[in-house]
Amino acid sequence: MPEFDWRSPDSYKSLQDAEITDIAWECLRRNADYRRDFDATIANSPDGQVTPEFRRRWGICFRP
């Protein structure tokens, strides 16, 4: 797999027709605080799922 080049327009072609929720998800998943919180939530979850509290904290109403 080629390395992602954030400066290359070709790297963003998949987002050209993206919905606003797709763009929001791309931003959120790159947030270091979100990733740490997600990892901690999953590690402490008995069923390996995020909680409703986690979703509320991060404003997630899509992609459980």
PDB file of N, CA and C in Angstrom:
ATOM      1  N   MET A   1       0.852  -1.183   0.000  1.00  0.00           N
ATOM      2  CA  MET A   1       0.000   0.000   0.000  1.00  0.00           C
ATOM      3  C   MET A   1       0.892   1.240   0.000  1.00  0.00           C
ATOM      4  N   PRO A   2       0.657   2.162  -0.906  1.00  0.00           N
ATOM      5  CA  PRO A   2       1.497   3.365  -0.945  1.00  0.00           C
ATOM      6  C   PRO A   2       1.250   4.242   0.279  1.00  0.00           C
ATOM      7  N   GLU A   3       2.271   4.978   0.645  1.00  0.00           N
ATOM      8  CA  GLU A   3       2.158   5.878   1.791  1.00  0.00           C
ATOM      9  C   GLU A   3       1.210   7.029   1.451  1.00  0.00           C
ATOM     10  N   PHE A   4       0.412   7.420   2.439  1.00  0.00           N
ATOM     11  CA  PHE A   4      -0.542   8.516   2.251  1.00  0.00           C
ATOM     12  C   PHE A   4       0.220   9.833   2.182  1.00  0.00           C
ATOM     13  N   ASP A   5      -0.043  10.627   1.169  1.00  0.00           N
ATOM     14  CA  ASP A   5       0.584  11.937   1.018  1.00  0.00           C
ATOM     15  C   ASP A   5      -0.506  13.000   1.143  1.00  0.00           C
ATOM     16  N   TRP A   6      -0.540  13.665   2.300  1.00  0.00           N
ATOM     17  CA  TRP A   6      -1.600  14.647   2.562  1.00  0.00           C
ATOM     18  C   TRP A   6      -1.562  15.827   1.611  1.00  0.00           C
ATOM     19  N   ARG A   7      -0.442  16.019   0.926  1.00  0.00           N
ATOM     20  CA  ARG A   7      -0.327  17.145  -0.005  1.00  0.00           C
ATOM     21  C   ARG A   7      -0.834  16.798  -1.405  1.00  0.00           C
ATOM     22  N   SER A   8      -1.084  15.540  -1.648  1.00  0.00           N
ATOM     23  CA  SER A   8      -1.488  15.104  -2.982  1.00  0.00           C
ATOM     24  C   SER A   8      -3.008  15.121  -3.141  1.00  0.00           C
ATOM     25  N   PRO A   9      -3.511  15.809  -4.156  1.00  0.00           N
ATOM     26  CA  PRO A   9      -4.962  15.801  -4.409  1.00  0.00           C
ATOM     27  C   PRO A   9      -5.499  14.388  -4.640  1.00  0.00           C
ATOM     28  N   ASP A  10      -4.683  13.499  -5.177  1.00  0.00           N
ATOM     29  CA  ASP A  10      -5.127  12.128  -5.417  1.00  0.00           C
ATOM     30  C   ASP A  10      -5.473  11.405  -4.120  1.00  0.00           C
ATOM     31  N   SER A  11      -4.848  11.792  -3.026  1.00  0.00           N
ATOM     32  CA  SER A  11      -5.112  11.156  -1.742  1.00  0.00           C
ATOM     33  C   SER A  11      -6.507  11.472  -1.222  1.00  0.00           C
ATOM     34  N   TYR A  12      -7.123  12.497  -1.747  1.00  0.00           N
ATOM     35  CA  TYR A  12      -8.427  12.933  -1.255  1.00  0.00           C
ATOM     36  C   TYR A  12      -9.558  12.706  -2.243  1.00  0.00           C
ATOM     37  N   LYS A  13      -9.286  12.006  -3.323  1.00  0.00           N
ATOM     38  CA  LYS A  13     -10.329  11.777  -4.332  1.00  0.00           C
ATOM     39  C   LYS A  13     -11.539  11.059  -3.743  1.00  0.00           C
ATOM     40  N   SER A  14     -11.308  10.180  -2.776  1.00  0.00           N
ATOM     41  CA  SER A  14     -12.433   9.445  -2.197  1.00  0.00           C
ATOM     42  C   SER A  14     -13.374  10.358  -1.421  1.00  0.00           C
ATOM     43  N   LEU A  15     -12.908  11.531  -1.035  1.00  0.00           N
ATOM     44  CA  LEU A  15     -13.749  12.468  -0.286  1.00  0.00           C
ATOM     45  C   LEU A  15     -14.440  13.496  -1.186  1.00  0.00           C
ATOM     46  N   GLN A  16     -14.171  13.445  -2.458  1.00  0.00           N
ATOM     47  CA  GLN A  16     -14.722  14.431  -3.386  1.00  0.00           C
ATOM     48  C   GLN A  16     -16.251  14.477  -3.338  1.00  0.00           C
ATOM     49  N   ASP A  17     -16.880  13.331  -3.238  1.00  0.00           N
ATOM     50  CA  ASP A  17     -18.343  13.266  -3.207  1.00  0.00           C
ATOM     51  C   ASP A  17     -18.853  12.879  -1.819  1.00  0.00           C
ATOM     52  N   ALA A  18     -18.053  13.110  -0.808  1.00  0.00           N
ATOM     53  CA  ALA A  18     -18.394  12.692   0.551  1.00  0.00           C
ATOM     54  C   ALA A  18     -19.505  13.547   1.149  1.00  0.00           C
ATOM     55  N   GLU A  19     -20.272  12.913   2.014  1.00  0.00           N
ATOM     56  CA  GLU A  19     -21.276  13.611   2.809  1.00  0.00           C
ATOM     57  C   GLU A  19     -20.557  14.324   3.950  1.00  0.00           C
ATOM     58  N   ILE A  20     -21.208  15.279   4.577  1.00  0.00           N
ATOM     59  CA  ILE A  20     -20.611  16.005   5.689  1.00  0.00           C
ATOM     60  C   ILE A  20     -20.259  15.070   6.841  1.00  0.00           C
ATOM     61  N   THR A  21     -21.073  14.031   7.054  1.00  0.00           N
ATOM     62  CA  THR A  21     -20.771  13.080   8.125  1.00  0.00           C
ATOM     63  C   THR A  21     -19.506  12.285   7.827  1.00  0.00           C
ATOM     64  N   ASP A  22     -19.250  12.014   6.555  1.00  0.00           N
ATOM     65  CA  ASP A  22     -18.018  11.318   6.188  1.00  0.00           C
ATOM     66  C   ASP A  22     -16.795  12.182   6.498  1.00  0.00           C
ATOM     67  N   ILE A  23     -16.893  13.454   6.202  1.00  0.00           N
ATOM     68  CA  ILE A  23     -15.783  14.373   6.467  1.00  0.00           C
ATOM     69  C   ILE A  23     -15.597  14.548   7.970  1.00  0.00           C
ATOM     70  N   ALA A  24     -16.697  14.661   8.705  1.00  0.00           N
ATOM     71  CA  ALA A  24     -16.610  14.781  10.162  1.00  0.00           C
ATOM     72  C   ALA A  24     -15.938  13.549  10.751  1.00  0.00           C
ATOM     73  N   TRP A  25     -16.298  12.371  10.252  1.00  0.00           N
ATOM     74  CA  TRP A  25     -15.686  11.133  10.740  1.00  0.00           C
ATOM     75  C   TRP A  25     -14.189  11.119  10.449  1.00  0.00           C
ATOM     76  N   GLU A  26     -13.780  11.548   9.273  1.00  0.00           N
ATOM     77  CA  GLU A  26     -12.359  11.577   8.931  1.00  0.00           C
ATOM     78  C   GLU A  26     -11.589  12.487   9.894  1.00  0.00           C
ATOM     79  N   CYS A  27     -12.185  13.611  10.268  1.00  0.00           N
ATOM     80  CA  CYS A  27     -11.540  14.523  11.211  1.00  0.00           C
ATOM     81  C   CYS A  27     -11.492  13.910  12.606  1.00  0.00           C
ATOM     82  N   LEU A  28     -12.605  13.354  13.052  1.00  0.00           N
ATOM     83  CA  LEU A  28     -12.668  12.799  14.403  1.00  0.00           C
ATOM     84  C   LEU A  28     -11.708  11.638  14.583  1.00  0.00           C
ATOM     85  N   ARG A  29     -11.637  10.741  13.631  1.00  0.00           N
ATOM     86  CA  ARG A  29     -10.797   9.569  13.807  1.00  0.00           C
ATOM     87  C   ARG A  29      -9.301   9.908  13.819  1.00  0.00           C
ATOM     88  N   ARG A  30      -8.952  11.097  13.387  1.00  0.00           N
ATOM     89  CA  ARG A  30      -7.560  11.540  13.443  1.00  0.00           C
ATOM     90  C   ARG A  30      -7.235  12.305  14.732  1.00  0.00           C
ATOM     91  N   ASN A  31      -8.232  12.557  15.557  1.00  0.00           N
ATOM     92  CA  ASN A  31      -8.065  13.301  16.801  1.00  0.00           C
ATOM     93  C   ASN A  31      -7.427  12.388  17.845  1.00  0.00           C
ATOM     94  N   ALA A  32      -6.253  12.763  18.343  1.00  0.00           N
ATOM     95  CA  ALA A  32      -5.512  11.928  19.301  1.00  0.00           C
ATOM     96  C   ALA A  32      -6.297  11.706  20.593  1.00  0.00           C
ATOM     97  N   ASP A  33      -6.995  12.716  21.080  1.00  0.00           N
ATOM     98  CA  ASP A  33      -7.795  12.561  22.297  1.00  0.00           C
ATOM     99  C   ASP A  33      -8.926  11.556  22.077  1.00  0.00           C
ATOM    100  N   TYR A  34      -9.569  11.640  20.926  1.00  0.00           N
ATOM    101  CA  TYR A  34     -10.635  10.689  20.603  1.00  0.00           C
ATOM    102  C   TYR A  34     -10.074   9.268  20.554  1.00  0.00           C
ATOM    103  N   ARG A  35      -8.944   9.078  19.880  1.00  0.00           N
ATOM    104  CA  ARG A  35      -8.368   7.736  19.760  1.00  0.00           C
ATOM    105  C   ARG A  35      -8.011   7.160  21.125  1.00  0.00           C
ATOM    106  N   ARG A  36      -7.429   7.983  22.008  1.00  0.00           N
ATOM    107  CA  ARG A  36      -7.102   7.505  23.361  1.00  0.00           C
ATOM    108  C   ARG A  36      -8.364   7.128  24.118  1.00  0.00           C
ATOM    109  N   ASP A  37      -9.376   7.975  24.038  1.00  0.00           N
ATOM    110  CA  ASP A  37     -10.634   7.708  24.729  1.00  0.00           C
ATOM    111  C   ASP A  37     -11.300   6.456  24.165  1.00  0.00           C
ATOM    112  N   PHE A  38     -11.278   6.292  22.862  1.00  0.00           N
ATOM    113  CA  PHE A  38     -11.851   5.107  22.228  1.00  0.00           C
ATOM    114  C   PHE A  38     -11.140   3.849  22.718  1.00  0.00           C
ATOM    115  N   ASP A  39      -9.817   3.865  22.682  1.00  0.00           N
ATOM    116  CA  ASP A  39      -9.047   2.694  23.124  1.00  0.00           C
ATOM    117  C   ASP A  39      -9.348   2.348  24.581  1.00  0.00           C
ATOM    118  N   ALA A  40      -9.413   3.358  25.442  1.00  0.00           N
ATOM    119  CA  ALA A  40      -9.703   3.128  26.859  1.00  0.00           C
ATOM    120  C   ALA A  40     -11.122   2.602  27.039  1.00  0.00           C
ATOM    121  N   THR A  41     -12.066   3.151  26.298  1.00  0.00           N
ATOM    122  CA  THR A  41     -13.453   2.704  26.404  1.00  0.00           C
ATOM    123  C   THR A  41     -13.593   1.251  25.971  1.00  0.00           C
ATOM    124  N   ILE A  42     -12.995   0.895  24.863  1.00  0.00           N
ATOM    125  CA  ILE A  42     -13.063  -0.476  24.362  1.00  0.00           C
ATOM    126  C   ILE A  42     -12.370  -1.432  25.327  1.00  0.00           C
ATOM    127  N   ALA A  43     -11.217  -1.027  25.865  1.00  0.00           N
ATOM    128  CA  ALA A  43     -10.473  -1.881  26.790  1.00  0.00           C
ATOM    129  C   ALA A  43     -11.276  -2.169  28.051  1.00  0.00           C
ATOM    130  N   ASN A  44     -12.119  -1.235  28.470  1.00  0.00           N
ATOM    131  CA  ASN A  44     -12.904  -1.400  29.691  1.00  0.00           C
ATOM    132  C   ASN A  44     -14.330  -1.868  29.433  1.00  0.00           C
ATOM    133  N   SER A  45     -14.654  -2.143  28.192  1.00  0.00           N
ATOM    134  CA  SER A  45     -16.015  -2.553  27.836  1.00  0.00           C
ATOM    135  C   SER A  45     -16.128  -4.079  27.872  1.00  0.00           C
ATOM    136  N   PRO A  46     -17.103  -4.603  28.612  1.00  0.00           N
ATOM    137  CA  PRO A  46     -17.247  -6.062  28.674  1.00  0.00           C
ATOM    138  C   PRO A  46     -17.610  -6.702  27.340  1.00  0.00           C
ATOM    139  N   ASP A  47     -18.277  -5.949  26.470  1.00  0.00           N
ATOM    140  CA  ASP A  47     -18.681  -6.508  25.180  1.00  0.00           C
ATOM    141  C   ASP A  47     -17.885  -5.953  24.000  1.00  0.00           C
ATOM    142  N   GLY A  48     -16.849  -5.153  24.291  1.00  0.00           N
ATOM    143  CA  GLY A  48     -16.005  -4.609  23.224  1.00  0.00           C
ATOM    144  C   GLY A  48     -16.665  -3.531  22.396  1.00  0.00           C
ATOM    145  N   GLN A  49     -17.698  -2.905  22.942  1.00  0.00           N
ATOM    146  CA  GLN A  49     -18.432  -1.866  22.224  1.00  0.00           C
ATOM    147  C   GLN A  49     -18.302  -0.532  22.947  1.00  0.00           C
ATOM    148  N   VAL A  50     -18.484   0.544  22.204  1.00  0.00           N
ATOM    149  CA  VAL A  50     -18.511   1.857  22.843  1.00  0.00           C
ATOM    150  C   VAL A  50     -19.845   2.026  23.560  1.00  0.00           C
ATOM    151  N   THR A  51     -19.841   2.887  24.544  1.00  0.00           N
ATOM    152  CA  THR A  51     -21.035   3.099  25.357  1.00  0.00           C
ATOM    153  C   THR A  51     -21.824   4.303  24.844  1.00  0.00           C
ATOM    154  N   PRO A  52     -23.079   4.402  25.254  1.00  0.00           N
ATOM    155  CA  PRO A  52     -23.846   5.612  24.912  1.00  0.00           C
ATOM    156  C   PRO A  52     -23.173   6.878  25.461  1.00  0.00           C
ATOM    157  N   GLU A  53     -22.553   6.779  26.640  1.00  0.00           N
ATOM    158  CA  GLU A  53     -21.835   7.931  27.209  1.00  0.00           C
ATOM    159  C   GLU A  53     -20.692   8.370  26.290  1.00  0.00           C
ATOM    160  N   PHE A  54     -19.951   7.410  25.775  1.00  0.00           N
ATOM    161  CA  PHE A  54     -18.861   7.715  24.842  1.00  0.00           C
ATOM    162  C   PHE A  54     -19.407   8.428  23.610  1.00  0.00           C
ATOM    163  N   ARG A  55     -20.503   7.918  23.069  1.00  0.00           N
ATOM    164  CA  ARG A  55     -21.100   8.540  21.880  1.00  0.00           C
ATOM    165  C   ARG A  55     -21.556   9.959  22.159  1.00  0.00           C
ATOM    166  N   ARG A  56     -22.164  10.169  23.323  1.00  0.00           N
ATOM    167  CA  ARG A  56     -22.603  11.527  23.684  1.00  0.00           C
ATOM    168  C   ARG A  56     -21.403  12.457  23.850  1.00  0.00           C
ATOM    169  N   ARG A  57     -20.365  11.961  24.524  1.00  0.00           N
ATOM    170  CA  ARG A  57     -19.178  12.791  24.783  1.00  0.00           C
ATOM    171  C   ARG A  57     -18.556  13.284  23.477  1.00  0.00           C
ATOM    172  N   TRP A  58     -18.543  12.433  22.466  1.00  0.00           N
ATOM    173  CA  TRP A  58     -17.916  12.799  21.200  1.00  0.00           C
ATOM    174  C   TRP A  58     -18.908  13.229  20.123  1.00  0.00           C
ATOM    175  N   GLY A  59     -20.181  13.280  20.463  1.00  0.00           N
ATOM    176  CA  GLY A  59     -21.189  13.736  19.508  1.00  0.00           C
ATOM    177  C   GLY A  59     -21.418  12.776  18.371  1.00  0.00           C
ATOM    178  N   ILE A  60     -21.234  11.491  18.644  1.00  0.00           N
ATOM    179  CA  ILE A  60     -21.368  10.485  17.588  1.00  0.00           C
ATOM    180  C   ILE A  60     -22.800   9.990  17.536  1.00  0.00           C
ATOM    181  N   CYS A  61     -23.430  10.206  16.404  1.00  0.00           N
ATOM    182  CA  CYS A  61     -24.781   9.693  16.198  1.00  0.00           C
ATOM    183  C   CYS A  61     -24.795   8.807  14.967  1.00  0.00           C
ATOM    184  N   PHE A  62     -23.624   8.485  14.459  1.00  0.00           N
ATOM    185  CA  PHE A  62     -23.472   7.592  13.327  1.00  0.00           C
ATOM    186  C   PHE A  62     -22.285   6.694  13.611  1.00  0.00           C
ATOM    187  N   ARG A  63     -22.181   5.623  12.910  1.00  0.00           N
ATOM    188  CA  ARG A  63     -21.080   4.665  13.066  1.00  0.00           C
ATOM    189  C   ARG A  63     -20.835   4.292  14.514  1.00  0.00           C
ATOM    190  N   PRO A  64     -21.602   3.353  15.034  1.00  0.00           N
ATOM    191  CA  PRO A  64     -21.406   2.949  16.432  1.00  0.00           C
ATOM    192  C   PRO A  64     -20.026   2.406  16.697  1.00  0.00           C
TER     193      PRO A  64
END
